[in-house]
Structure formats: structure tokens, C-alpha cells
Amino acid sequence: MGNLSRIGVSIDSELLHRFDSFIADQGYENRSEAFRDLIRDRLVGSVVIAPTALVVGTVTLIYNHHTRLLPEKLTDLQHESHAIVISTLHAHLDHENCLEVVLLRGKSKDVQKLADRLISTKGVQHGRLVMSSPETVSHHPHPHR
């Protein structure tokens, strides 16, 4: 971490009380770490929206594997975009439902496009994309996690 700078922030007392309760539940030892994480999250968020930004991402999918041809469709989509698919984790949640996590790396627009195609595939019950930027994260190491 670089040089530390101290700042003063004015916050409504009720909002600060709610924030303190929240960060205590999350396991933060102090407000400073929580504020730094919030700032990092917003900075990463601002980077990944640029269409040509280099990003990494995870697409989490939940689906019923008995849905006609769904596993094959999801696999075909991943093969079509093999240049940005790093890996896939597949877990059987119960007799019918599966969880699949697809790791992606590439330009933000390409990662978003593939994620949208996977999530919108007929039969996918729930899906979510989470993106981050390796450049932004690597310059801001997280000391306690």
C-alpha cells in the first residue's frame, strides 16, 4: 500500500450507525478497511463498463439438466467463444438442478455478450455475471483477505 492520507467525511448519524452494523456483520475490524473496499469496488465497476477494457468474469448459472438439449446448448456456446472461456466448474445440486460457473477473460463487451447469451438460454433458471479488472485489482492489493 502507498502513503496513507487521512480524510474527514460528514455522514448522517443514522446512516453511519447502519454502516457500522453492516461492516461489523461483514467482519471488518474498522471503518477504514470498509471504506477502502467500497472505493475499490466503485473503481473496478467504472473500469469494466468500458467496452474494450480487459476484464475477468464469472458467469454463474443454475438450471435443470433435464431441460431438453440445455447442457449441450450451454457447452456449444462456450465452444463458440473458446478464446475467452478459461474454465468451467459444474456441480450437481440435487437430482435435477445443476450449478455451473464459467470463468471468462477478454474485452468487457465480449465477456458481457457471452454472459448474456448463456444467461438468456431457454431453461436457465437464474444467471449472474460478475466482472472485475485485473489491472485495477492488481494495483490495489487487499491486505486482509
N, C-alpha and C. Protein backbone atom coordinates (compact mmCIF):
# COMPACT_ATOMS: atom_id res chain seq x y z
N MET A 1 0.85 -1.17 0.00
CA MET A 1 0.00 0.00 0.00
C MET A 1 0.89 1.23 0.00
N GLY A 2 0.47 2.29 -0.68
CA GLY A 2 1.24 3.53 -0.76
C GLY A 2 1.11 4.34 0.51
N ASN A 3 1.44 5.62 0.40
CA ASN A 3 1.31 6.51 1.54
C ASN A 3 -0.14 6.65 1.93
N LEU A 4 -0.39 6.72 3.22
CA LEU A 4 -1.76 6.88 3.70
C LEU A 4 -2.11 8.35 3.77
N SER A 5 -3.34 8.67 3.40
CA SER A 5 -3.87 10.02 3.52
C SER A 5 -5.08 9.96 4.42
N ARG A 6 -5.19 10.89 5.30
CA ARG A 6 -6.36 10.96 6.18
C ARG A 6 -7.34 11.97 5.61
N ILE A 7 -8.64 11.60 5.65
CA ILE A 7 -9.68 12.49 5.17
C ILE A 7 -10.78 12.55 6.22
N GLY A 8 -11.57 13.58 6.16
CA GLY A 8 -12.74 13.71 7.02
C GLY A 8 -13.98 13.57 6.16
N VAL A 9 -14.96 12.85 6.66
CA VAL A 9 -16.20 12.63 5.92
C VAL A 9 -17.36 12.94 6.84
N SER A 10 -18.31 13.72 6.35
CA SER A 10 -19.53 14.00 7.11
C SER A 10 -20.61 13.04 6.66
N ILE A 11 -21.18 12.31 7.64
CA ILE A 11 -22.21 11.31 7.33
C ILE A 11 -23.33 11.44 8.35
N ASP A 12 -24.55 11.34 7.86
CA ASP A 12 -25.71 11.35 8.73
C ASP A 12 -25.53 10.27 9.81
N SER A 13 -25.86 10.58 11.05
CA SER A 13 -25.64 9.67 12.17
C SER A 13 -26.35 8.33 12.00
N GLU A 14 -27.58 8.36 11.51
CA GLU A 14 -28.32 7.11 11.31
C GLU A 14 -27.66 6.25 10.24
N LEU A 15 -27.22 6.88 9.15
CA LEU A 15 -26.54 6.16 8.08
C LEU A 15 -25.23 5.54 8.60
N LEU A 16 -24.50 6.29 9.39
CA LEU A 16 -23.25 5.78 9.96
C LEU A 16 -23.52 4.61 10.90
N HIS A 17 -24.58 4.70 11.69
CA HIS A 17 -24.93 3.59 12.59
C HIS A 17 -25.25 2.33 11.79
N ARG A 18 -26.03 2.49 10.72
CA ARG A 18 -26.35 1.35 9.85
C ARG A 18 -25.10 0.78 9.19
N PHE A 19 -24.21 1.68 8.77
CA PHE A 19 -22.96 1.24 8.14
C PHE A 19 -22.10 0.47 9.14
N ASP A 20 -21.98 0.98 10.35
CA ASP A 20 -21.19 0.30 11.39
C ASP A 20 -21.75 -1.10 11.68
N SER A 21 -23.06 -1.22 11.74
CA SER A 21 -23.67 -2.53 11.96
C SER A 21 -23.38 -3.47 10.80
N PHE A 22 -23.49 -2.93 9.60
CA PHE A 22 -23.23 -3.73 8.40
C PHE A 22 -21.79 -4.23 8.37
N ILE A 23 -20.83 -3.34 8.59
CA ILE A 23 -19.43 -3.77 8.49
C ILE A 23 -19.04 -4.70 9.63
N ALA A 24 -19.68 -4.53 10.79
CA ALA A 24 -19.42 -5.46 11.89
C ALA A 24 -19.90 -6.87 11.50
N ASP A 25 -21.08 -6.94 10.89
CA ASP A 25 -21.61 -8.23 10.43
C ASP A 25 -20.72 -8.85 9.35
N GLN A 26 -20.08 -8.01 8.54
CA GLN A 26 -19.21 -8.48 7.47
C GLN A 26 -17.83 -8.90 7.98
N GLY A 27 -17.51 -8.53 9.22
CA GLY A 27 -16.23 -8.92 9.80
C GLY A 27 -15.12 -7.89 9.67
N TYR A 28 -15.44 -6.68 9.27
CA TYR A 28 -14.41 -5.64 9.19
C TYR A 28 -13.97 -5.23 10.59
N GLU A 29 -12.68 -4.97 10.72
CA GLU A 29 -12.14 -4.55 12.01
C GLU A 29 -12.29 -3.06 12.23
N ASN A 30 -12.39 -2.31 11.12
CA ASN A 30 -12.54 -0.85 11.26
C ASN A 30 -13.20 -0.27 10.02
N ARG A 31 -13.62 0.97 10.14
CA ARG A 31 -14.29 1.65 9.04
C ARG A 31 -13.36 1.87 7.85
N SER A 32 -12.10 2.13 8.11
CA SER A 32 -11.17 2.44 7.03
C SER A 32 -11.11 1.32 6.00
N GLU A 33 -11.01 0.08 6.47
CA GLU A 33 -10.96 -1.05 5.53
C GLU A 33 -12.26 -1.14 4.74
N ALA A 34 -13.37 -0.93 5.38
CA ALA A 34 -14.66 -0.98 4.69
C ALA A 34 -14.76 0.12 3.65
N PHE A 35 -14.34 1.33 3.99
CA PHE A 35 -14.36 2.44 3.03
C PHE A 35 -13.44 2.15 1.85
N ARG A 36 -12.24 1.61 2.12
CA ARG A 36 -11.31 1.30 1.04
C ARG A 36 -11.92 0.26 0.09
N ASP A 37 -12.60 -0.76 0.65
CA ASP A 37 -13.23 -1.77 -0.20
C ASP A 37 -14.35 -1.17 -1.05
N LEU A 38 -15.14 -0.29 -0.46
CA LEU A 38 -16.21 0.36 -1.22
C LEU A 38 -15.63 1.18 -2.37
N ILE A 39 -14.56 1.90 -2.11
CA ILE A 39 -13.93 2.73 -3.14
C ILE A 39 -13.35 1.84 -4.24
N ARG A 40 -12.64 0.78 -3.86
CA ARG A 40 -12.09 -0.15 -4.86
C ARG A 40 -13.19 -0.74 -5.73
N ASP A 41 -14.30 -1.13 -5.10
CA ASP A 41 -15.40 -1.72 -5.84
C ASP A 41 -15.95 -0.73 -6.87
N ARG A 42 -16.10 0.51 -6.50
CA ARG A 42 -16.61 1.52 -7.43
C ARG A 42 -15.61 1.79 -8.55
N LEU A 43 -14.31 1.79 -8.23
CA LEU A 43 -13.29 1.99 -9.26
C LEU A 43 -13.28 0.84 -10.26
N VAL A 44 -13.34 -0.38 -9.77
CA VAL A 44 -13.39 -1.54 -10.67
C VAL A 44 -14.65 -1.47 -11.51
N GLY A 45 -15.77 -1.13 -10.90
CA GLY A 45 -17.02 -1.02 -11.63
C GLY A 45 -16.96 0.00 -12.76
N SER A 46 -16.25 1.08 -12.54
CA SER A 46 -16.14 2.11 -13.57
C SER A 46 -15.24 1.67 -14.71
N VAL A 47 -14.26 0.81 -14.43
CA VAL A 47 -13.36 0.32 -15.47
C VAL A 47 -14.04 -0.72 -16.34
N VAL A 48 -14.76 -1.67 -15.74
CA VAL A 48 -15.30 -2.80 -16.50
C VAL A 48 -16.43 -2.41 -17.45
N ILE A 49 -17.00 -1.22 -17.30
CA ILE A 49 -18.07 -0.82 -18.22
C ILE A 49 -17.53 -0.35 -19.56
N ALA A 50 -16.23 -0.04 -19.64
CA ALA A 50 -15.65 0.36 -20.92
C ALA A 50 -15.62 -0.87 -21.83
N PRO A 51 -16.18 -0.79 -23.04
CA PRO A 51 -16.33 -1.97 -23.90
C PRO A 51 -15.02 -2.70 -24.22
N THR A 52 -13.92 -1.97 -24.30
CA THR A 52 -12.66 -2.62 -24.67
C THR A 52 -11.76 -2.90 -23.47
N ALA A 53 -12.25 -2.66 -22.27
CA ALA A 53 -11.44 -2.93 -21.08
C ALA A 53 -11.19 -4.43 -20.95
N LEU A 54 -9.96 -4.80 -20.55
CA LEU A 54 -9.65 -6.20 -20.29
C LEU A 54 -10.25 -6.56 -18.94
N VAL A 55 -11.09 -7.59 -18.94
CA VAL A 55 -11.77 -8.00 -17.71
C VAL A 55 -11.66 -9.50 -17.51
N VAL A 56 -11.88 -9.91 -16.28
CA VAL A 56 -12.13 -11.31 -15.95
C VAL A 56 -13.53 -11.35 -15.38
N GLY A 57 -14.18 -12.48 -15.54
CA GLY A 57 -15.54 -12.56 -15.05
C GLY A 57 -15.95 -13.97 -14.74
N THR A 58 -16.99 -14.08 -13.94
CA THR A 58 -17.61 -15.36 -13.68
C THR A 58 -19.08 -15.25 -14.04
N VAL A 59 -19.57 -16.26 -14.74
CA VAL A 59 -20.99 -16.37 -15.02
C VAL A 59 -21.48 -17.55 -14.21
N THR A 60 -22.42 -17.31 -13.32
CA THR A 60 -23.00 -18.38 -12.50
C THR A 60 -24.38 -18.69 -13.05
N LEU A 61 -24.60 -19.96 -13.34
CA LEU A 61 -25.86 -20.41 -13.92
C LEU A 61 -26.46 -21.52 -13.07
N ILE A 62 -27.76 -21.49 -12.90
CA ILE A 62 -28.48 -22.59 -12.28
C ILE A 62 -29.53 -23.04 -13.28
N TYR A 63 -29.55 -24.35 -13.52
CA TYR A 63 -30.51 -24.87 -14.49
C TYR A 63 -30.83 -26.33 -14.20
N ASN A 64 -31.96 -26.75 -14.75
CA ASN A 64 -32.39 -28.14 -14.65
C ASN A 64 -31.77 -28.89 -15.83
N HIS A 65 -30.91 -29.86 -15.53
CA HIS A 65 -30.20 -30.53 -16.62
C HIS A 65 -31.09 -31.45 -17.45
N HIS A 66 -32.33 -31.66 -17.02
CA HIS A 66 -33.27 -32.46 -17.81
C HIS A 66 -33.93 -31.63 -18.91
N THR A 67 -33.75 -30.31 -18.87
CA THR A 67 -34.33 -29.47 -19.92
C THR A 67 -33.72 -29.89 -21.26
N ARG A 68 -34.57 -30.14 -22.21
CA ARG A 68 -34.15 -30.72 -23.49
C ARG A 68 -33.00 -29.95 -24.13
N LEU A 69 -31.89 -30.62 -24.32
CA LEU A 69 -30.69 -30.13 -25.00
C LEU A 69 -30.01 -28.94 -24.33
N LEU A 70 -30.44 -28.54 -23.14
CA LEU A 70 -29.85 -27.37 -22.50
C LEU A 70 -28.36 -27.53 -22.21
N PRO A 71 -27.92 -28.62 -21.58
CA PRO A 71 -26.47 -28.74 -21.34
C PRO A 71 -25.65 -28.65 -22.63
N GLU A 72 -26.15 -29.25 -23.70
CA GLU A 72 -25.45 -29.20 -24.99
C GLU A 72 -25.40 -27.77 -25.53
N LYS A 73 -26.51 -27.02 -25.40
CA LYS A 73 -26.54 -25.64 -25.88
C LYS A 73 -25.53 -24.79 -25.13
N LEU A 74 -25.47 -24.95 -23.80
CA LEU A 74 -24.53 -24.17 -23.00
C LEU A 74 -23.09 -24.51 -23.37
N THR A 75 -22.82 -25.80 -23.58
CA THR A 75 -21.48 -26.21 -23.98
C THR A 75 -21.14 -25.67 -25.36
N ASP A 76 -22.07 -25.73 -26.30
CA ASP A 76 -21.82 -25.20 -27.64
C ASP A 76 -21.50 -23.71 -27.60
N LEU A 77 -22.25 -22.94 -26.82
CA LEU A 77 -21.97 -21.51 -26.70
C LEU A 77 -20.56 -21.26 -26.18
N GLN A 78 -20.14 -22.07 -25.20
CA GLN A 78 -18.79 -21.91 -24.66
C GLN A 78 -17.73 -22.27 -25.69
N HIS A 79 -17.97 -23.32 -26.48
CA HIS A 79 -17.01 -23.69 -27.52
C HIS A 79 -16.92 -22.62 -28.59
N GLU A 80 -18.05 -21.99 -28.93
CA GLU A 80 -18.03 -20.91 -29.92
C GLU A 80 -17.18 -19.74 -29.47
N SER A 81 -17.05 -19.55 -28.16
CA SER A 81 -16.28 -18.44 -27.60
C SER A 81 -15.08 -18.95 -26.81
N HIS A 82 -14.48 -20.04 -27.28
CA HIS A 82 -13.40 -20.68 -26.54
C HIS A 82 -12.23 -19.75 -26.24
N ALA A 83 -12.05 -18.70 -27.03
CA ALA A 83 -10.93 -17.79 -26.80
C ALA A 83 -11.08 -17.00 -25.50
N ILE A 84 -12.30 -16.84 -25.01
CA ILE A 84 -12.48 -16.09 -23.76
C ILE A 84 -12.89 -16.96 -22.58
N VAL A 85 -13.20 -18.23 -22.83
CA VAL A 85 -13.57 -19.14 -21.74
C VAL A 85 -12.29 -19.74 -21.15
N ILE A 86 -12.06 -19.49 -19.87
CA ILE A 86 -10.88 -20.03 -19.20
C ILE A 86 -11.16 -21.42 -18.65
N SER A 87 -12.30 -21.56 -17.99
CA SER A 87 -12.61 -22.82 -17.33
C SER A 87 -14.09 -22.85 -16.97
N THR A 88 -14.57 -24.05 -16.68
CA THR A 88 -15.95 -24.23 -16.24
C THR A 88 -15.97 -25.17 -15.06
N LEU A 89 -16.77 -24.82 -14.06
CA LEU A 89 -16.99 -25.69 -12.90
C LEU A 89 -18.45 -26.10 -12.94
N HIS A 90 -18.69 -27.38 -12.83
CA HIS A 90 -20.06 -27.90 -12.87
C HIS A 90 -20.32 -28.69 -11.60
N ALA A 91 -21.43 -28.38 -10.93
CA ALA A 91 -21.78 -29.10 -9.70
C ALA A 91 -23.24 -29.53 -9.77
N HIS A 92 -23.50 -30.73 -9.27
CA HIS A 92 -24.86 -31.25 -9.21
C HIS A 92 -25.47 -30.88 -7.87
N LEU A 93 -26.49 -30.03 -7.89
CA LEU A 93 -27.10 -29.55 -6.65
C LEU A 93 -28.07 -30.57 -6.05
N ASP A 94 -28.78 -31.25 -6.92
CA ASP A 94 -29.69 -32.31 -6.50
C ASP A 94 -29.96 -33.19 -7.72
N HIS A 95 -31.01 -33.98 -7.67
CA HIS A 95 -31.29 -34.92 -8.77
C HIS A 95 -31.52 -34.21 -10.11
N GLU A 96 -32.02 -32.97 -10.07
CA GLU A 96 -32.38 -32.28 -11.31
C GLU A 96 -31.54 -31.04 -11.61
N ASN A 97 -31.14 -30.31 -10.58
CA ASN A 97 -30.55 -28.99 -10.77
C ASN A 97 -29.03 -29.01 -10.72
N CYS A 98 -28.47 -28.17 -11.60
CA CYS A 98 -27.02 -28.02 -11.68
C CYS A 98 -26.63 -26.56 -11.49
N LEU A 99 -25.44 -26.38 -10.98
CA LEU A 99 -24.81 -25.07 -10.88
C LEU A 99 -23.60 -25.11 -11.79
N GLU A 100 -23.47 -24.12 -12.63
CA GLU A 100 -22.30 -24.04 -13.49
C GLU A 100 -21.70 -22.66 -13.35
N VAL A 101 -20.39 -22.61 -13.17
CA VAL A 101 -19.67 -21.35 -13.09
C VAL A 101 -18.67 -21.34 -14.24
N VAL A 102 -18.76 -20.33 -15.09
CA VAL A 102 -17.90 -20.22 -16.25
C VAL A 102 -16.96 -19.04 -16.03
N LEU A 103 -15.65 -19.29 -16.09
CA LEU A 103 -14.65 -18.24 -15.93
C LEU A 103 -14.29 -17.70 -17.29
N LEU A 104 -14.34 -16.37 -17.41
CA LEU A 104 -14.11 -15.71 -18.69
C LEU A 104 -13.02 -14.65 -18.56
N ARG A 105 -12.30 -14.41 -19.68
CA ARG A 105 -11.31 -13.34 -19.71
C ARG A 105 -11.30 -12.77 -21.12
N GLY A 106 -11.38 -11.45 -21.21
CA GLY A 106 -11.37 -10.82 -22.53
C GLY A 106 -11.85 -9.39 -22.43
N LYS A 107 -12.23 -8.83 -23.58
CA LYS A 107 -12.78 -7.48 -23.61
C LYS A 107 -14.15 -7.49 -22.95
N SER A 108 -14.43 -6.42 -22.23
CA SER A 108 -15.68 -6.32 -21.49
C SER A 108 -16.90 -6.61 -22.37
N LYS A 109 -16.92 -6.06 -23.56
CA LYS A 109 -18.09 -6.25 -24.44
C LYS A 109 -18.26 -7.71 -24.83
N ASP A 110 -17.14 -8.42 -25.04
CA ASP A 110 -17.22 -9.83 -25.43
C ASP A 110 -17.65 -10.71 -24.26
N VAL A 111 -17.12 -10.41 -23.08
CA VAL A 111 -17.50 -11.16 -21.88
C VAL A 111 -18.98 -10.95 -21.59
N GLN A 112 -19.44 -9.70 -21.68
CA GLN A 112 -20.85 -9.38 -21.44
C GLN A 112 -21.75 -10.08 -22.45
N LYS A 113 -21.33 -10.09 -23.71
CA LYS A 113 -22.14 -10.71 -24.76
C LYS A 113 -22.30 -12.21 -24.53
N LEU A 114 -21.20 -12.89 -24.20
CA LEU A 114 -21.30 -14.33 -23.95
C LEU A 114 -22.13 -14.59 -22.70
N ALA A 115 -21.92 -13.81 -21.66
CA ALA A 115 -22.71 -13.99 -20.43
C ALA A 115 -24.19 -13.82 -20.71
N ASP A 116 -24.55 -12.80 -21.48
CA ASP A 116 -25.95 -12.57 -21.82
C ASP A 116 -26.53 -13.76 -22.58
N ARG A 117 -25.75 -14.32 -23.50
CA ARG A 117 -26.23 -15.47 -24.28
C ARG A 117 -26.41 -16.69 -23.38
N LEU A 118 -25.48 -16.92 -22.47
CA LEU A 118 -25.59 -18.07 -21.57
C LEU A 118 -26.81 -17.91 -20.65
N ILE A 119 -26.93 -16.74 -20.04
CA ILE A 119 -28.00 -16.49 -19.06
C ILE A 119 -29.37 -16.53 -19.72
N SER A 120 -29.46 -16.06 -20.96
CA SER A 120 -30.77 -16.00 -21.63
C SER A 120 -31.14 -17.29 -22.35
N THR A 121 -30.27 -18.29 -22.29
CA THR A 121 -30.59 -19.58 -22.92
C THR A 121 -31.83 -20.17 -22.27
N LYS A 122 -32.77 -20.59 -23.10
CA LYS A 122 -34.02 -21.14 -22.60
C LYS A 122 -33.74 -22.32 -21.68
N GLY A 123 -34.29 -22.25 -20.47
CA GLY A 123 -34.11 -23.30 -19.48
C GLY A 123 -33.19 -22.90 -18.34
N VAL A 124 -32.39 -21.85 -18.53
CA VAL A 124 -31.56 -21.36 -17.42
C VAL A 124 -32.49 -20.67 -16.44
N GLN A 125 -32.49 -21.13 -15.19
CA GLN A 125 -33.41 -20.60 -14.18
C GLN A 125 -32.91 -19.31 -13.56
N HIS A 126 -31.59 -19.21 -13.43
CA HIS A 126 -31.00 -18.00 -12.85
C HIS A 126 -29.57 -17.88 -13.32
N GLY A 127 -29.15 -16.67 -13.60
CA GLY A 127 -27.77 -16.44 -14.01
C GLY A 127 -27.31 -15.07 -13.58
N ARG A 128 -26.01 -14.96 -13.37
CA ARG A 128 -25.44 -13.68 -12.95
C ARG A 128 -24.01 -13.58 -13.44
N LEU A 129 -23.63 -12.42 -13.94
CA LEU A 129 -22.26 -12.13 -14.35
C LEU A 129 -21.64 -11.19 -13.32
N VAL A 130 -20.42 -11.52 -12.92
CA VAL A 130 -19.62 -10.63 -12.07
C VAL A 130 -18.30 -10.41 -12.80
N MET A 131 -17.97 -9.14 -13.04
CA MET A 131 -16.72 -8.81 -13.74
C MET A 131 -15.80 -8.00 -12.85
N SER A 132 -14.51 -8.16 -13.12
CA SER A 132 -13.50 -7.37 -12.44
C SER A 132 -12.41 -7.06 -13.45
N SER A 133 -11.56 -6.11 -13.11
CA SER A 133 -10.47 -5.72 -13.99
C SER A 133 -9.14 -6.11 -13.36
N PRO A 134 -8.37 -6.98 -14.02
CA PRO A 134 -7.09 -7.39 -13.44
C PRO A 134 -6.15 -6.22 -13.18
N GLU A 135 -6.14 -5.22 -14.08
CA GLU A 135 -5.24 -4.08 -13.88
C GLU A 135 -5.61 -3.30 -12.63
N THR A 136 -6.89 -3.04 -12.45
CA THR A 136 -7.33 -2.26 -11.30
C THR A 136 -7.07 -3.02 -10.01
N VAL A 137 -7.39 -4.30 -9.99
CA VAL A 137 -7.23 -5.10 -8.78
C VAL A 137 -5.77 -5.30 -8.45
N SER A 138 -4.93 -5.57 -9.46
CA SER A 138 -3.53 -5.88 -9.18
C SER A 138 -2.78 -4.67 -8.63
N HIS A 139 -3.24 -3.47 -8.91
CA HIS A 139 -2.57 -2.29 -8.38
C HIS A 139 -3.04 -1.93 -6.98
N HIS A 140 -4.05 -2.63 -6.50
CA HIS A 140 -4.62 -2.34 -5.19
C HIS A 140 -4.77 -3.62 -4.40
N PRO A 141 -3.66 -4.17 -3.90
CA PRO A 141 -3.78 -5.43 -3.17
C PRO A 141 -4.65 -5.28 -1.92
N HIS A 142 -5.35 -6.33 -1.61
CA HIS A 142 -6.22 -6.35 -0.43
C HIS A 142 -5.46 -6.99 0.70
N PRO A 143 -5.07 -6.22 1.72
CA PRO A 143 -4.16 -6.73 2.74
C PRO A 143 -4.74 -7.78 3.69
N HIS A 144 -6.06 -7.81 3.90
CA HIS A 144 -6.56 -8.71 4.94
C HIS A 144 -7.40 -9.86 4.40
N ARG A 145 -7.52 -10.00 3.11
CA ARG A 145 -8.33 -11.11 2.57
C ARG A 145 -7.55 -11.92 1.59
